[in-house]
Amino acid sequence: MRGGVPLTIHWAVRRRHFTREFKQQAVRQVLVAGRSAANVARELGIRADQVRRWKRLIGAAAVRSVRREELRRVRREIAQLRAELAILERAAAVLAGTA
């Protein structure tokens, strides 16, 4: 005890828990809308370092997900173009044989 005040203080504050969707929406506002983490945090009533941490954790996964989807799309497009090329090559061969 120091000056009549106990040295240990027990906080009655409970930790707030946020859903994954809430975190993703906050990160999306930073990444997609281009808003600052501080601005988003202020609007949501949370600390800016929380938004930055979520961005670091969720943002990396989101970027990987976007890249993965882009890779799938490009591979589908390549397959489609190869199929079209094969058709054009067969048509050219047929036309060259009859010309």
N, C-alpha and C. Protein backbone atom coordinates (compact mmCIF):
# COMPACT_ATOMS: atom_id res chain seq x y z
N MET A 1 0.84 -1.17 0.00
CA MET A 1 0.00 0.00 0.00
C MET A 1 0.89 1.23 0.00
N ARG A 2 0.49 2.19 -0.79
CA ARG A 2 1.27 3.41 -0.90
C ARG A 2 0.33 4.60 -0.74
N GLY A 3 0.51 5.32 0.30
CA GLY A 3 -0.34 6.49 0.54
C GLY A 3 -1.80 6.12 0.69
N GLY A 4 -2.08 4.94 1.22
CA GLY A 4 -3.46 4.51 1.41
C GLY A 4 -4.10 3.93 0.16
N VAL A 5 -3.32 3.80 -0.95
CA VAL A 5 -3.85 3.27 -2.21
C VAL A 5 -3.20 1.93 -2.47
N PRO A 6 -3.97 0.89 -2.72
CA PRO A 6 -3.36 -0.41 -3.01
C PRO A 6 -2.51 -0.34 -4.27
N LEU A 7 -1.39 -1.05 -4.28
CA LEU A 7 -0.50 -1.03 -5.43
C LEU A 7 -1.05 -1.81 -6.62
N THR A 8 -1.83 -2.83 -6.37
CA THR A 8 -2.39 -3.62 -7.47
C THR A 8 -3.77 -3.10 -7.80
N ILE A 9 -4.00 -2.96 -9.07
CA ILE A 9 -5.31 -2.50 -9.55
C ILE A 9 -5.86 -3.58 -10.47
N HIS A 10 -7.04 -4.00 -10.19
CA HIS A 10 -7.69 -5.01 -11.03
C HIS A 10 -8.70 -4.29 -11.93
N TRP A 11 -8.46 -4.39 -13.20
CA TRP A 11 -9.35 -3.74 -14.16
C TRP A 11 -10.59 -4.58 -14.37
N ALA A 12 -11.69 -3.93 -14.41
CA ALA A 12 -12.96 -4.61 -14.64
C ALA A 12 -13.35 -4.52 -16.11
N VAL A 13 -12.41 -4.10 -16.94
CA VAL A 13 -12.71 -3.94 -18.36
C VAL A 13 -12.58 -5.30 -19.05
N ARG A 14 -13.59 -5.66 -19.78
CA ARG A 14 -13.58 -6.93 -20.53
C ARG A 14 -13.07 -6.67 -21.93
N ARG A 15 -12.36 -7.65 -22.48
CA ARG A 15 -11.87 -7.53 -23.85
C ARG A 15 -13.03 -7.64 -24.81
N ARG A 16 -12.99 -6.82 -25.83
CA ARG A 16 -14.02 -6.88 -26.86
C ARG A 16 -13.59 -7.88 -27.91
N HIS A 17 -14.52 -8.65 -28.40
CA HIS A 17 -14.23 -9.62 -29.45
C HIS A 17 -14.99 -9.21 -30.70
N PHE A 18 -14.31 -9.29 -31.82
CA PHE A 18 -14.91 -8.88 -33.09
C PHE A 18 -15.02 -10.10 -34.00
N THR A 19 -16.09 -10.15 -34.75
CA THR A 19 -16.28 -11.27 -35.67
C THR A 19 -15.30 -11.15 -36.84
N ARG A 20 -15.07 -12.25 -37.50
CA ARG A 20 -14.19 -12.27 -38.66
C ARG A 20 -14.72 -11.34 -39.75
N GLU A 21 -16.05 -11.33 -39.92
CA GLU A 21 -16.66 -10.48 -40.93
C GLU A 21 -16.41 -9.00 -40.63
N PHE A 22 -16.51 -8.63 -39.35
CA PHE A 22 -16.27 -7.24 -38.95
C PHE A 22 -14.84 -6.85 -39.30
N LYS A 23 -13.89 -7.72 -38.97
CA LYS A 23 -12.48 -7.45 -39.26
C LYS A 23 -12.25 -7.35 -40.76
N GLN A 24 -12.86 -8.25 -41.52
CA GLN A 24 -12.69 -8.24 -42.97
C GLN A 24 -13.26 -6.96 -43.57
N GLN A 25 -14.39 -6.51 -43.08
CA GLN A 25 -14.99 -5.28 -43.61
C GLN A 25 -14.10 -4.08 -43.29
N ALA A 26 -13.52 -4.06 -42.10
CA ALA A 26 -12.62 -2.95 -41.74
C ALA A 26 -11.40 -2.95 -42.66
N VAL A 27 -10.83 -4.13 -42.88
CA VAL A 27 -9.65 -4.23 -43.74
C VAL A 27 -10.01 -3.89 -45.18
N ARG A 28 -11.18 -4.30 -45.63
CA ARG A 28 -11.62 -4.00 -46.99
C ARG A 28 -11.73 -2.49 -47.20
N GLN A 29 -12.19 -1.78 -46.17
CA GLN A 29 -12.30 -0.32 -46.29
C GLN A 29 -10.92 0.31 -46.47
N VAL A 30 -9.91 -0.28 -45.83
CA VAL A 30 -8.55 0.25 -45.95
C VAL A 30 -7.95 -0.13 -47.30
N LEU A 31 -8.07 -1.41 -47.69
CA LEU A 31 -7.44 -1.89 -48.91
C LEU A 31 -8.16 -1.45 -50.18
N VAL A 32 -9.46 -1.61 -50.20
CA VAL A 32 -10.22 -1.35 -51.43
C VAL A 32 -10.59 0.12 -51.55
N ALA A 33 -11.12 0.68 -50.48
CA ALA A 33 -11.58 2.07 -50.53
C ALA A 33 -10.42 3.05 -50.38
N GLY A 34 -9.27 2.56 -49.96
CA GLY A 34 -8.11 3.43 -49.84
C GLY A 34 -8.15 4.37 -48.65
N ARG A 35 -8.97 4.06 -47.66
CA ARG A 35 -9.06 4.90 -46.48
C ARG A 35 -7.93 4.57 -45.51
N SER A 36 -7.58 5.49 -44.65
CA SER A 36 -6.52 5.23 -43.68
C SER A 36 -7.05 4.36 -42.55
N ALA A 37 -6.14 3.62 -41.94
CA ALA A 37 -6.52 2.77 -40.81
C ALA A 37 -7.06 3.62 -39.67
N ALA A 38 -6.46 4.78 -39.46
CA ALA A 38 -6.91 5.66 -38.39
C ALA A 38 -8.34 6.15 -38.64
N ASN A 39 -8.64 6.48 -39.89
CA ASN A 39 -9.98 6.96 -40.25
C ASN A 39 -11.01 5.86 -40.03
N VAL A 40 -10.70 4.66 -40.50
CA VAL A 40 -11.63 3.52 -40.34
C VAL A 40 -11.83 3.22 -38.86
N ALA A 41 -10.72 3.19 -38.11
CA ALA A 41 -10.80 2.89 -36.69
C ALA A 41 -11.65 3.91 -35.95
N ARG A 42 -11.46 5.17 -36.27
CA ARG A 42 -12.22 6.24 -35.62
C ARG A 42 -13.72 6.04 -35.89
N GLU A 43 -14.04 5.71 -37.13
CA GLU A 43 -15.45 5.51 -37.49
C GLU A 43 -16.05 4.30 -36.76
N LEU A 44 -15.25 3.25 -36.57
CA LEU A 44 -15.74 2.03 -35.94
C LEU A 44 -15.62 2.03 -34.42
N GLY A 45 -14.95 3.06 -33.89
CA GLY A 45 -14.81 3.15 -32.44
C GLY A 45 -13.79 2.17 -31.86
N ILE A 46 -12.75 1.89 -32.62
CA ILE A 46 -11.70 0.99 -32.17
C ILE A 46 -10.35 1.67 -32.34
N ARG A 47 -9.30 1.03 -31.86
CA ARG A 47 -7.96 1.60 -31.99
C ARG A 47 -7.40 1.36 -33.39
N ALA A 48 -6.62 2.31 -33.88
CA ALA A 48 -6.05 2.22 -35.22
C ALA A 48 -5.07 1.06 -35.33
N ASP A 49 -4.35 0.75 -34.23
CA ASP A 49 -3.40 -0.36 -34.30
C ASP A 49 -4.11 -1.69 -34.49
N GLN A 50 -5.37 -1.79 -34.04
CA GLN A 50 -6.14 -3.02 -34.28
C GLN A 50 -6.39 -3.18 -35.78
N VAL A 51 -6.81 -2.10 -36.42
CA VAL A 51 -7.09 -2.17 -37.86
C VAL A 51 -5.81 -2.49 -38.63
N ARG A 52 -4.70 -1.88 -38.22
CA ARG A 52 -3.42 -2.17 -38.91
C ARG A 52 -3.01 -3.63 -38.71
N ARG A 53 -3.23 -4.18 -37.52
CA ARG A 53 -2.90 -5.58 -37.26
C ARG A 53 -3.79 -6.50 -38.11
N TRP A 54 -5.08 -6.19 -38.16
CA TRP A 54 -5.99 -6.98 -38.98
C TRP A 54 -5.59 -6.90 -40.44
N LYS A 55 -5.19 -5.72 -40.86
CA LYS A 55 -4.77 -5.54 -42.26
C LYS A 55 -3.56 -6.42 -42.55
N ARG A 56 -2.61 -6.44 -41.62
CA ARG A 56 -1.42 -7.26 -41.82
C ARG A 56 -1.78 -8.74 -41.88
N LEU A 57 -2.68 -9.19 -41.01
CA LEU A 57 -3.04 -10.61 -40.96
C LEU A 57 -4.03 -11.00 -42.05
N ILE A 58 -5.12 -10.27 -42.12
CA ILE A 58 -6.18 -10.59 -43.08
C ILE A 58 -5.82 -10.11 -44.47
N GLY A 59 -5.19 -8.96 -44.56
CA GLY A 59 -4.83 -8.39 -45.85
C GLY A 59 -3.92 -9.30 -46.65
N ALA A 60 -2.95 -9.92 -45.99
CA ALA A 60 -2.04 -10.84 -46.68
C ALA A 60 -2.82 -12.02 -47.25
N ALA A 61 -3.76 -12.54 -46.46
CA ALA A 61 -4.57 -13.66 -46.93
C ALA A 61 -5.48 -13.21 -48.07
N ALA A 62 -6.01 -12.00 -47.97
CA ALA A 62 -6.88 -11.48 -49.03
C ALA A 62 -6.11 -11.30 -50.33
N VAL A 63 -4.89 -10.81 -50.24
CA VAL A 63 -4.06 -10.63 -51.43
C VAL A 63 -3.77 -11.98 -52.07
N ARG A 64 -3.43 -12.97 -51.23
CA ARG A 64 -3.19 -14.32 -51.76
C ARG A 64 -4.44 -14.86 -52.44
N SER A 65 -5.60 -14.62 -51.84
CA SER A 65 -6.85 -15.10 -52.41
C SER A 65 -7.13 -14.44 -53.75
N VAL A 66 -6.90 -13.14 -53.83
CA VAL A 66 -7.11 -12.41 -55.09
C VAL A 66 -6.16 -12.92 -56.16
N ARG A 67 -4.91 -13.13 -55.78
CA ARG A 67 -3.92 -13.64 -56.74
C ARG A 67 -4.28 -15.04 -57.21
N ARG A 68 -4.75 -15.87 -56.27
CA ARG A 68 -5.15 -17.24 -56.61
C ARG A 68 -6.30 -17.22 -57.62
N GLU A 69 -7.29 -16.36 -57.37
CA GLU A 69 -8.44 -16.26 -58.28
C GLU A 69 -8.00 -15.73 -59.63
N GLU A 70 -7.10 -14.76 -59.65
CA GLU A 70 -6.59 -14.22 -60.91
C GLU A 70 -5.85 -15.30 -61.68
N LEU A 71 -5.07 -16.12 -60.98
CA LEU A 71 -4.34 -17.21 -61.63
C LEU A 71 -5.32 -18.21 -62.24
N ARG A 72 -6.39 -18.54 -61.52
CA ARG A 72 -7.42 -19.45 -62.07
C ARG A 72 -8.05 -18.87 -63.33
N ARG A 73 -8.37 -17.57 -63.27
CA ARG A 73 -9.00 -16.92 -64.42
C ARG A 73 -8.06 -16.94 -65.63
N VAL A 74 -6.79 -16.63 -65.41
CA VAL A 74 -5.83 -16.61 -66.52
C VAL A 74 -5.65 -18.02 -67.09
N ARG A 75 -5.60 -19.02 -66.23
CA ARG A 75 -5.47 -20.40 -66.72
C ARG A 75 -6.67 -20.82 -67.54
N ARG A 76 -7.89 -20.43 -67.09
CA ARG A 76 -9.09 -20.73 -67.89
C ARG A 76 -9.02 -20.05 -69.24
N GLU A 77 -8.58 -18.79 -69.24
CA GLU A 77 -8.48 -18.04 -70.49
C GLU A 77 -7.46 -18.67 -71.43
N ILE A 78 -6.33 -19.12 -70.90
CA ILE A 78 -5.31 -19.78 -71.72
C ILE A 78 -5.87 -21.06 -72.32
N ALA A 79 -6.60 -21.85 -71.53
CA ALA A 79 -7.20 -23.08 -72.04
C ALA A 79 -8.18 -22.77 -73.16
N GLN A 80 -9.00 -21.73 -72.97
CA GLN A 80 -9.96 -21.33 -74.00
C GLN A 80 -9.24 -20.89 -75.27
N LEU A 81 -8.19 -20.10 -75.14
CA LEU A 81 -7.45 -19.62 -76.31
C LEU A 81 -6.75 -20.78 -77.04
N ARG A 82 -6.24 -21.74 -76.29
CA ARG A 82 -5.62 -22.92 -76.92
C ARG A 82 -6.64 -23.72 -77.71
N ALA A 83 -7.85 -23.85 -77.15
CA ALA A 83 -8.90 -24.58 -77.86
C ALA A 83 -9.28 -23.83 -79.14
N GLU A 84 -9.39 -22.51 -79.07
CA GLU A 84 -9.71 -21.72 -80.26
C GLU A 84 -8.59 -21.82 -81.29
N LEU A 85 -7.35 -21.81 -80.84
CA LEU A 85 -6.22 -21.94 -81.76
C LEU A 85 -6.23 -23.28 -82.47
N ALA A 86 -6.55 -24.34 -81.73
CA ALA A 86 -6.62 -25.67 -82.35
C ALA A 86 -7.69 -25.71 -83.44
N ILE A 87 -8.83 -25.08 -83.16
CA ILE A 87 -9.91 -25.03 -84.16
C ILE A 87 -9.44 -24.26 -85.40
N LEU A 88 -8.80 -23.12 -85.18
CA LEU A 88 -8.32 -22.32 -86.31
C LEU A 88 -7.24 -23.06 -87.11
N GLU A 89 -6.37 -23.79 -86.43
CA GLU A 89 -5.33 -24.55 -87.14
C GLU A 89 -5.96 -25.65 -87.99
N ARG A 90 -6.98 -26.33 -87.45
CA ARG A 90 -7.67 -27.37 -88.24
C ARG A 90 -8.38 -26.75 -89.45
N ALA A 91 -9.02 -25.59 -89.22
CA ALA A 91 -9.71 -24.92 -90.33
C ALA A 91 -8.71 -24.49 -91.39
N ALA A 92 -7.56 -23.97 -90.97
CA ALA A 92 -6.53 -23.56 -91.93
C ALA A 92 -6.01 -24.76 -92.72
N ALA A 93 -5.86 -25.91 -92.06
CA ALA A 93 -5.38 -27.11 -92.72
C ALA A 93 -6.41 -27.60 -93.76
N VAL A 94 -7.67 -27.53 -93.38
CA VAL A 94 -8.73 -27.94 -94.31
C VAL A 94 -8.75 -27.01 -95.52
N LEU A 95 -8.70 -25.71 -95.27
CA LEU A 95 -8.71 -24.75 -96.37
C LEU A 95 -7.45 -24.85 -97.24
N ALA A 96 -6.32 -25.12 -96.63
CA ALA A 96 -5.08 -25.25 -97.40
C ALA A 96 -5.13 -26.50 -98.28
N GLY A 97 -5.81 -27.52 -97.86
CA GLY A 97 -5.92 -28.76 -98.64
C GLY A 97 -6.87 -28.61 -99.83
N THR A 98 -7.81 -27.72 -99.74
CA THR A 98 -8.79 -27.55 -100.81
C THR A 98 -8.42 -26.40 -101.76
N ALA A 99 -7.45 -25.61 -101.39
CA ALA A 99 -7.11 -24.43 -102.19
C ALA A 99 -6.29 -24.77 -103.38
